[in-house]
Structures are given as structure tokens and as C-alpha cells.
Amino acid sequence: MTMTREEAKAKVIVALDVPTREEAMVLVQQLHNEVGAFKIGMQLYNSEGPDIVRDIQAEGGKVFVDLKFHDIPNTVAQTSKVITGRKAFMFTVHAAGGHTMLATAAEAAKEMAAELQVKKPILVAVTVLTSISQQEFEEEIGVKRPIEEQVVIWAKMSQAAGLDGVVASPKEIKAIRQACGEDFVIVTPGIRPTWAAANDQSRIMTPKQAVEAGANYLVIGRPITKQEDPVKAAQMIVEEIMTAEI
């Protein structure tokens, strides 16, 4: 079964990995009709502050706040309330924070959304960064198990804690889907069309491959934002996604 252009667009989240509001807003104005949402990471959020969320929303863009909250449960819970109050479309915590931290974050977001009568953000836990290789995972981080196995452990823990899904590399999609079922949200960075450079990503797939493997959302930065024509690049990616067999 093939998907419509709108369904394909909804899967694309553009990573606004730029240092200034001006650069970010140029991309938002160009792309808000071409993609599903925009990701604000640590660089842009810390450079411009939380008002950047509102600014993007004012242009009609959904916002994925990717700050990977990882702290004691109460701190993460209170922060989850703040981000929910900012009407984020999605936000991240880090799975390494453990079950209690994840569960309190999920409950806090749910409570705040109900209190404000806004839609609860999709809450996802970051697992193993897509820049990390198996060798680095074992030798530097010190976890002597396959990355895929660790990702599945964290995905199951996140699901049990009440989260909506996880962020993981495309290589782990099938294992997560098998472990956590069809309703669990999988967000995948490390997406590189065949015409784009891999850059610093180690575990990558093309957009079509990732969607066919079962990804719900694809986070794509440089293959769109660093192209001479970002609109054309986004449209090419959407068209590729539309060819996926799902």
C-alpha cells in the first residue's frame, strides 16, 4: 500500500541545527508547507531561548523540542510540564534516566495537557545516539552488549513507563517494532537519501528504507537544510517516501 503526499509529508521532521533565529525562520518559512514538523535541538534552543518555539508555531510549523531531558525525576517532571505548556508537538527525555524518571515525565505531561486543555505532546525517549558505533559503545561507554539489544531494553522500559515511543537509529526499527508493537512511536534520525553525504552518522538508512522498516517519523537535517534548494530537497524526500511499500 502506498501513502498520499500528505501522509508522507507528516513523517518528515526537519532538524533546525542552525545557530540563529534568522536562519531557522528562513527555513521554516520555506518548508512549513512541505514537511510535518521542525526539530529544535540544544544549539538553537540555547542560542535563542524558548520563544523560538512560539515563533515557529506562529508560522504554522509544529515543533519537536529535542533537549533529551535527563535529571532527577522531579526536575524532569516539572520541565515536562513547561514544554507541554508551550504546546510542543513532541519532546525527548533520555531513556538512561530510568523507569521512575520516565514515568513521572509521562504523568506530568498528561496532567498539564489536561489542565491546559491542550493536546499532549508525543513523548519519546532517546536511546543510543546514531553517531555511536558498536565499538565505541563497548570500549568507550562500557556496555558489553549489542546496541540493538540495549535499544530494545530501553524501548520496553519506556513503553512500560507510559511513554509514546523512542528515538533510535533506523537499524533498530524492526527489533523495536517486534518488541513493542504497532502502536509504539519510532522516531529515526540518521536518515540519508542516496544523494546525500553520511556526515557524522554511523547507523543510517534512506528515507524509503526507514519507512518500510516501520519508522513513524524521520528526522532529517543537512540533506534538506544544507542543500542549495531546501524546498526541492524536501520534496524529493517526500516523493521517495511515497514509493515505500507499507
Protein backbone atom coordinates (compact mmCIF):
# COMPACT_ATOMS: atom_id res chain seq x y z
CA MET A 1 0.00 0.00 0.00
CA THR A 2 1.37 3.42 -0.93
CA MET A 3 0.74 6.60 1.03
CA THR A 4 -0.51 10.03 0.00
CA ARG A 5 1.74 13.06 -0.26
CA GLU A 6 0.21 14.47 2.95
CA GLU A 7 0.89 11.23 4.81
CA ALA A 8 4.47 11.23 3.55
CA LYS A 9 4.98 14.90 4.48
CA ALA A 10 3.74 14.21 8.01
CA LYS A 11 6.60 11.78 8.55
CA VAL A 12 9.33 14.32 7.82
CA ILE A 13 10.74 16.36 10.70
CA VAL A 14 13.37 18.92 9.68
CA ALA A 15 16.21 19.38 12.16
CA LEU A 16 16.87 23.10 12.55
CA ASP A 17 20.52 22.66 13.51
CA VAL A 18 21.37 26.33 12.99
CA PRO A 19 22.63 28.91 15.50
CA THR A 20 20.25 31.82 14.94
CA ARG A 21 16.56 32.62 14.83
CA GLU A 22 17.03 34.30 11.46
CA GLU A 23 18.44 31.17 9.81
CA ALA A 24 15.81 28.99 11.45
CA MET A 25 12.90 31.16 10.39
CA VAL A 26 14.06 31.31 6.78
CA LEU A 27 13.93 27.51 6.70
CA VAL A 28 10.55 27.42 8.46
CA GLN A 29 9.06 29.91 6.02
CA GLN A 30 10.39 27.90 3.08
CA LEU A 31 9.44 24.47 4.36
CA HIS A 32 6.38 24.63 6.62
CA ASN A 33 4.10 23.52 3.78
CA GLU A 34 6.49 20.76 2.68
CA VAL A 35 7.13 18.81 5.90
CA GLY A 36 5.40 17.67 9.07
CA ALA A 37 7.36 19.42 11.83
CA PHE A 38 10.60 21.12 12.85
CA LYS A 39 13.08 19.90 15.46
CA ILE A 40 14.71 22.37 17.82
CA GLY A 41 17.86 20.96 19.39
CA MET A 42 20.25 22.25 22.02
CA GLN A 43 22.10 24.64 19.72
CA LEU A 44 19.10 26.69 18.60
CA TYR A 45 17.21 26.47 21.89
CA ASN A 46 20.20 27.66 23.92
CA SER A 47 21.09 30.33 21.38
CA GLU A 48 17.65 31.86 21.02
CA GLY A 49 15.70 30.71 24.07
CA PRO A 50 12.25 29.16 24.41
CA ASP A 51 10.49 31.87 22.39
CA ILE A 52 11.77 30.17 19.23
CA VAL A 53 9.10 27.51 19.83
CA ARG A 54 6.36 30.13 19.66
CA ASP A 55 7.94 31.83 16.65
CA ILE A 56 7.91 28.61 14.62
CA GLN A 57 4.36 27.82 15.69
CA ALA A 58 3.29 31.31 14.58
CA GLU A 59 4.47 30.42 11.05
CA GLY A 60 2.32 27.30 11.09
CA GLY A 61 5.05 24.81 12.00
CA LYS A 62 4.76 22.02 14.55
CA VAL A 63 7.70 21.88 16.95
CA PHE A 64 9.65 18.89 18.23
CA VAL A 65 11.69 20.02 21.25
CA ASP A 66 14.72 17.73 21.35
CA LEU A 67 16.60 18.56 24.56
CA LYS A 68 16.91 14.98 25.89
CA PHE A 69 15.94 15.75 29.49
CA HIS A 70 17.95 13.59 31.90
CA ASP A 71 17.86 14.54 35.57
CA ILE A 72 16.21 13.53 38.83
CA PRO A 73 12.53 12.61 38.35
CA ASN A 74 11.05 15.78 39.88
CA THR A 75 13.18 18.09 37.74
CA VAL A 76 12.29 16.25 34.54
CA ALA A 77 8.61 16.14 35.51
CA GLN A 78 8.45 19.90 36.09
CA THR A 79 10.30 20.54 32.83
CA SER A 80 7.88 18.25 31.01
CA LYS A 81 5.05 20.45 32.26
CA VAL A 82 6.79 23.55 30.90
CA ILE A 83 7.31 22.02 27.45
CA THR A 84 3.71 20.77 27.39
CA GLY A 85 2.57 24.30 28.23
CA ARG A 86 4.49 25.53 25.21
CA LYS A 87 2.31 23.26 23.05
CA ALA A 88 5.19 21.24 21.67
CA PHE A 89 4.22 18.59 19.16
CA MET A 90 6.84 16.20 20.56
CA PHE A 91 9.73 16.25 23.04
CA THR A 92 12.51 14.00 24.26
CA VAL A 93 13.78 12.64 27.54
CA HIS A 94 16.71 10.23 27.83
CA ALA A 95 15.98 6.55 28.46
CA ALA A 96 19.14 6.28 30.58
CA GLY A 97 17.31 8.28 33.27
CA GLY A 98 15.47 5.11 34.27
CA HIS A 99 11.88 3.98 34.72
CA THR A 100 10.91 6.37 37.54
CA MET A 101 12.16 9.44 35.69
CA LEU A 102 10.37 8.38 32.51
CA ALA A 103 7.11 7.58 34.29
CA THR A 104 6.99 10.88 36.18
CA ALA A 105 7.70 12.78 32.96
CA ALA A 106 4.87 10.98 31.17
CA GLU A 107 2.42 11.60 34.00
CA ALA A 108 3.42 15.27 34.29
CA ALA A 109 2.88 15.89 30.57
CA LYS A 110 -0.50 14.17 30.72
CA GLU A 111 -1.59 16.20 33.76
CA MET A 112 -0.50 19.53 32.29
CA ALA A 113 -2.17 18.85 28.95
CA ALA A 114 -5.44 18.07 30.75
CA GLU A 115 -5.13 21.16 32.94
CA LEU A 116 -4.50 23.47 29.97
CA GLN A 117 -6.88 21.57 27.68
CA VAL A 118 -4.18 21.22 25.01
CA LYS A 119 -3.07 18.16 23.08
CA LYS A 120 -0.48 16.14 24.97
CA PRO A 121 2.89 16.15 23.21
CA ILE A 122 4.24 12.89 21.86
CA LEU A 123 6.81 11.91 24.48
CA VAL A 124 9.76 9.85 23.25
CA ALA A 125 12.90 8.57 24.93
CA VAL A 126 16.28 8.85 23.28
CA THR A 127 18.11 5.51 23.27
CA VAL A 128 21.60 5.17 21.73
CA LEU A 129 22.77 8.12 19.64
CA THR A 130 23.03 7.39 15.94
CA SER A 131 26.61 8.72 15.89
CA ILE A 132 27.82 5.89 18.16
CA SER A 133 29.31 2.75 16.66
CA GLN A 134 29.28 -0.69 18.27
CA GLN A 135 33.00 -0.40 19.03
CA GLU A 136 32.54 2.96 20.78
CA PHE A 137 29.52 1.61 22.66
CA GLU A 138 31.58 -1.23 24.12
CA GLU A 139 35.01 0.34 24.52
CA GLU A 140 34.16 3.93 25.50
CA ILE A 141 30.71 3.73 27.08
CA GLY A 142 31.43 0.32 28.56
CA VAL A 143 28.24 -1.53 27.68
CA LYS A 144 29.22 -5.03 26.57
CA ARG A 145 26.14 -5.92 24.61
CA PRO A 146 24.92 -5.26 21.06
CA ILE A 147 23.48 -1.77 20.57
CA GLU A 148 20.25 -3.27 19.22
CA GLU A 149 19.78 -5.28 22.41
CA GLN A 150 20.29 -2.21 24.62
CA VAL A 151 17.92 -0.14 22.49
CA VAL A 152 15.18 -2.77 22.83
CA ILE A 153 15.68 -2.93 26.61
CA TRP A 154 15.25 0.85 26.83
CA ALA A 155 12.30 0.83 24.43
CA LYS A 156 10.44 -1.75 26.52
CA MET A 157 11.21 0.19 29.70
CA SER A 158 9.97 3.42 28.09
CA GLN A 159 6.76 1.76 26.97
CA ALA A 160 6.19 0.33 30.46
CA ALA A 161 6.71 3.82 31.91
CA GLY A 162 3.92 5.25 29.75
CA LEU A 163 5.91 6.95 27.01
CA ASP A 164 4.63 7.10 23.45
CA GLY A 165 7.83 5.89 21.82
CA VAL A 166 11.57 6.19 21.38
CA VAL A 167 14.23 7.77 19.21
CA ALA A 168 16.52 5.15 17.69
CA SER A 169 18.63 4.57 14.62
CA PRO A 170 16.97 3.01 11.57
CA LYS A 171 18.94 -0.18 12.19
CA GLU A 172 16.93 -0.88 15.36
CA ILE A 173 13.44 -0.17 13.98
CA LYS A 174 12.42 -3.75 13.26
CA ALA A 175 13.58 -5.05 16.64
CA ILE A 176 11.72 -2.25 18.47
CA ARG A 177 8.58 -2.82 16.44
CA GLN A 178 8.68 -6.54 17.23
CA ALA A 179 9.23 -5.89 20.95
CA CYS A 180 6.81 -3.00 21.45
CA GLY A 181 4.03 -3.47 18.87
CA GLU A 182 2.49 -1.44 16.08
CA ASP A 183 1.23 1.50 18.18
CA PHE A 184 4.63 2.42 19.64
CA VAL A 185 6.11 5.54 18.02
CA ILE A 186 9.57 5.22 16.47
CA VAL A 187 11.44 8.40 15.56
CA THR A 188 14.56 7.89 13.48
CA PRO A 189 17.46 10.25 12.88
CA GLY A 190 20.35 9.01 10.75
CA ILE A 191 18.28 9.33 7.57
CA ARG A 192 20.32 9.93 4.45
CA PRO A 193 18.94 9.83 0.90
CA THR A 194 21.29 8.11 -1.54
CA TRP A 195 22.26 11.55 -2.91
CA ALA A 196 23.33 12.98 0.49
CA ALA A 197 26.55 12.59 2.49
CA ALA A 198 26.59 10.42 5.62
CA ASN A 199 28.40 13.15 7.66
CA ASP A 200 28.84 12.05 11.30
CA GLN A 201 26.10 9.41 11.36
CA SER A 202 27.17 5.78 11.75
CA ARG A 203 23.93 3.77 11.60
CA ILE A 204 21.94 5.15 8.66
CA MET A 205 19.21 4.30 6.11
CA THR A 206 17.47 6.02 3.23
CA PRO A 207 14.01 7.53 3.86
CA LYS A 208 12.31 4.75 1.89
CA GLN A 209 14.18 2.00 3.77
CA ALA A 210 13.35 3.53 7.17
CA VAL A 211 9.64 3.87 6.41
CA GLU A 212 9.48 0.33 5.06
CA ALA A 213 11.21 -0.89 8.23
CA GLY A 214 8.46 0.74 10.32
CA ALA A 215 9.56 4.27 11.28
CA ASN A 216 6.78 6.72 12.15
CA TYR A 217 8.85 9.89 11.86
CA LEU A 218 12.15 10.67 10.11
CA VAL A 219 14.39 13.43 11.47
CA ILE A 220 16.34 14.93 8.59
CA GLY A 221 18.71 17.88 8.84
CA ARG A 222 21.60 18.52 6.49
CA PRO A 223 20.17 16.60 3.49
CA ILE A 224 17.49 19.32 3.45
CA THR A 225 18.87 22.37 5.24
CA LYS A 226 22.31 22.42 3.62
CA GLN A 227 21.08 21.95 0.07
CA GLU A 228 21.10 24.84 -2.39
CA ASP A 229 17.32 24.40 -2.73
CA PRO A 230 15.89 23.07 0.58
CA VAL A 231 12.34 23.00 -0.80
CA LYS A 232 13.33 20.80 -3.71
CA ALA A 233 15.31 18.52 -1.36
CA ALA A 234 12.31 18.13 0.96
CA GLN A 235 10.02 17.41 -1.97
CA MET A 236 12.42 14.75 -3.29
CA ILE A 237 12.46 13.06 0.12
CA VAL A 238 8.64 13.14 0.36
CA GLU A 239 8.39 11.64 -3.10
CA GLU A 240 10.80 8.88 -2.12
CA ILE A 241 8.75 8.12 1.00
CA MET A 242 5.63 7.86 -1.17
CA THR A 243 7.26 4.95 -3.01
CA ALA A 244 7.71 2.94 0.20
CA GLU A 245 5.82 -0.36 0.41
CA ILE A 246 3.99 -0.34 3.75
